[in-house]
C-alpha atoms as a PDB file:
ATOM      1  CA  UNK A   1      31.507 -80.118 -80.762  1.00  0.00           C
ATOM      2  CA  UNK A   2      31.736 -76.936 -83.530  1.00  0.00           C
ATOM      3  CA  UNK A   3      29.727 -74.620 -82.096  1.00  0.00           C
ATOM      4  CA  UNK A   4      30.901 -74.912 -78.709  1.00  0.00           C
ATOM      5  CA  UNK A   5      34.722 -73.486 -79.223  1.00  0.00           C
ATOM      6  CA  UNK A   6      32.642 -69.665 -80.330  1.00  0.00           C
ATOM      7  CA  UNK A   7      30.591 -70.133 -77.139  1.00  0.00           C
ATOM      8  CA  UNK A   8      33.261 -70.758 -75.002  1.00  0.00           C
ATOM      9  CA  UNK A   9      35.847 -68.073 -76.383  1.00  0.00           C
ATOM     10  CA  UNK A  10      32.884 -65.481 -76.273  1.00  0.00           C
ATOM     11  CA  UNK A  11      32.512 -66.843 -72.244  1.00  0.00           C
ATOM     12  CA  UNK A  12      36.091 -66.521 -71.606  1.00  0.00           C
ATOM     13  CA  UNK A  13      36.042 -62.732 -73.647  1.00  0.00           C
ATOM     14  CA  UNK A  14      33.307 -61.095 -71.745  1.00  0.00           C
ATOM     15  CA  UNK A  15      34.692 -62.436 -68.444  1.00  0.00           C
ATOM     16  CA  UNK A  16      38.371 -61.559 -68.992  1.00  0.00           C
ATOM     17  CA  UNK A  17      36.803 -58.121 -70.345  1.00  0.00           C
ATOM     18  CA  UNK A  18      34.983 -57.499 -67.246  1.00  0.00           C
ATOM     19  CA  UNK A  19      37.881 -58.184 -65.581  1.00  0.00           C
ATOM     20  CA  UNK A  20      40.094 -55.726 -67.333  1.00  0.00           C
ATOM     21  CA  UNK A  21      37.284 -53.470 -66.726  1.00  0.00           C
ATOM     22  CA  UNK A  22      37.224 -53.114 -62.578  1.00  0.00           C
ATOM     23  CA  UNK A  23      41.113 -53.535 -63.041  1.00  0.00           C
ATOM     24  CA  UNK A  24      40.738 -50.461 -64.856  1.00  0.00           C
ATOM     25  CA  UNK A  25      37.782 -48.139 -63.383  1.00  0.00           C
ATOM     26  CA  UNK A  26      39.701 -49.137 -59.677  1.00  0.00           C
ATOM     27  CA  UNK A  27      43.111 -47.329 -60.735  1.00  0.00           C
ATOM     28  CA  UNK A  28      41.597 -44.639 -62.484  1.00  0.00           C
ATOM     29  CA  UNK A  29      39.542 -43.984 -59.518  1.00  0.00           C
ATOM     30  CA  UNK A  30      42.421 -44.152 -57.027  1.00  0.00           C
ATOM     31  CA  UNK A  31      44.664 -42.371 -59.197  1.00  0.00           C
ATOM     32  CA  UNK A  32      41.710 -39.805 -59.063  1.00  0.00           C
ATOM     33  CA  UNK A  33      41.642 -39.437 -55.470  1.00  0.00           C
ATOM     34  CA  UNK A  34      45.293 -38.483 -55.660  1.00  0.00           C
ATOM     35  CA  UNK A  35      45.154 -35.166 -58.179  1.00  0.00           C
ATOM     36  CA  UNK A  36      42.426 -33.119 -57.722  1.00  0.00           C
ATOM     37  CA  UNK A  37      42.925 -31.799 -61.538  1.00  0.00           C
ATOM     38  CA  UNK A  38      41.796 -34.994 -62.578  1.00  0.00           C
ATOM     39  CA  UNK A  39      39.088 -34.947 -60.352  1.00  0.00           C
ATOM     40  CA  UNK A  40      37.637 -31.120 -61.440  1.00  0.00           C
ATOM     41  CA  UNK A  41      37.770 -32.323 -65.209  1.00  0.00           C
ATOM     42  CA  UNK A  42      35.607 -34.931 -64.060  1.00  0.00           C
ATOM     43  CA  UNK A  43      33.205 -33.265 -62.150  1.00  0.00           C
ATOM     44  CA  UNK A  44      33.127 -30.438 -65.088  1.00  0.00           C
ATOM     45  CA  UNK A  45      32.141 -32.886 -67.479  1.00  0.00           C
ATOM     46  CA  UNK A  46      29.011 -33.907 -65.328  1.00  0.00           C
ATOM     47  CA  UNK A  47      28.182 -30.246 -65.217  1.00  0.00           C
ATOM     48  CA  UNK A  48      29.080 -29.399 -61.625  1.00  0.00           C
ATOM     49  CA  UNK A  49      32.004 -26.567 -60.778  1.00  0.00           C
ATOM     50  CA  UNK A  50      33.281 -27.839 -57.703  1.00  0.00           C
ATOM     51  CA  UNK A  51      34.790 -25.213 -55.243  1.00  0.00           C
ATOM     52  CA  UNK A  52      37.656 -25.745 -52.388  1.00  0.00           C
ATOM     53  CA  UNK A  53      35.574 -26.906 -49.860  1.00  0.00           C
ATOM     54  CA  UNK A  54      33.885 -29.216 -51.696  1.00  0.00           C
ATOM     55  CA  UNK A  55      36.608 -30.378 -53.664  1.00  0.00           C
ATOM     56  CA  UNK A  56      38.100 -31.480 -50.304  1.00  0.00           C
ATOM     57  CA  UNK A  57      35.425 -32.772 -49.232  1.00  0.00           C
ATOM     58  CA  UNK A  58      34.650 -34.893 -52.608  1.00  0.00           C
ATOM     59  CA  UNK A  59      38.595 -36.186 -52.533  1.00  0.00           C
ATOM     60  CA  UNK A  60      37.728 -37.418 -48.719  1.00  0.00           C
ATOM     61  CA  UNK A  61      34.649 -39.546 -49.810  1.00  0.00           C
ATOM     62  CA  UNK A  62      36.949 -41.499 -52.749  1.00  0.00           C
ATOM     63  CA  UNK A  63      39.303 -41.860 -49.954  1.00  0.00           C
ATOM     64  CA  UNK A  64      37.321 -43.275 -47.082  1.00  0.00           C
ATOM     65  CA  UNK A  65      35.074 -45.828 -49.791  1.00  0.00           C
ATOM     66  CA  UNK A  66      38.790 -46.767 -52.029  1.00  0.00           C
ATOM     67  CA  UNK A  67      40.148 -48.729 -48.932  1.00  0.00           C
ATOM     68  CA  UNK A  68      40.020 -52.316 -48.885  1.00  0.00           C
ATOM     69  CA  UNK A  69      38.313 -54.498 -46.914  1.00  0.00           C
ATOM     70  CA  UNK A  70      35.258 -51.102 -45.713  1.00  0.00           C
ATOM     71  CA  UNK A  71      31.746 -51.289 -46.837  1.00  0.00           C
ATOM     72  CA  UNK A  72      30.427 -47.862 -48.328  1.00  0.00           C
ATOM     73  CA  UNK A  73      29.241 -45.046 -46.246  1.00  0.00           C
ATOM     74  CA  UNK A  74      25.151 -45.591 -45.871  1.00  0.00           C
ATOM     75  CA  UNK A  75      23.790 -42.110 -47.063  1.00  0.00           C
ATOM     76  CA  UNK A  76      21.419 -40.577 -44.413  1.00  0.00           C
ATOM     77  CA  UNK A  77      17.718 -39.996 -45.237  1.00  0.00           C
ATOM     78  CA  UNK A  78      17.581 -37.015 -42.463  1.00  0.00           C
ATOM     79  CA  UNK A  79      16.023 -34.256 -43.936  1.00  0.00           C
ATOM     80  CA  UNK A  80      17.148 -30.676 -43.413  1.00  0.00           C
ATOM     81  CA  UNK A  81      16.119 -28.832 -40.129  1.00  0.00           C
ATOM     82  CA  UNK A  82      15.026 -25.354 -40.377  1.00  0.00           C
ATOM     83  CA  UNK A  83      13.178 -24.969 -43.612  1.00  0.00           C
END
């Protein structure tokens, strides 16, 4: 019985930590789609420099993918024509 309490505490802590992490990440994504400066900052940290058109496209993608009850858009596997 003495070993059950730490195991139960660990499982509850892992589940709680995961739930808090998901909540925080969703909140950050919502904030990022409404704040172009934050989106630009994250892009620079990843090594990308987005121009105005790319920023608008990224914000639109975030808005479309974060709508509740909607599945993320599937990626097209078609290549560019006329290469």
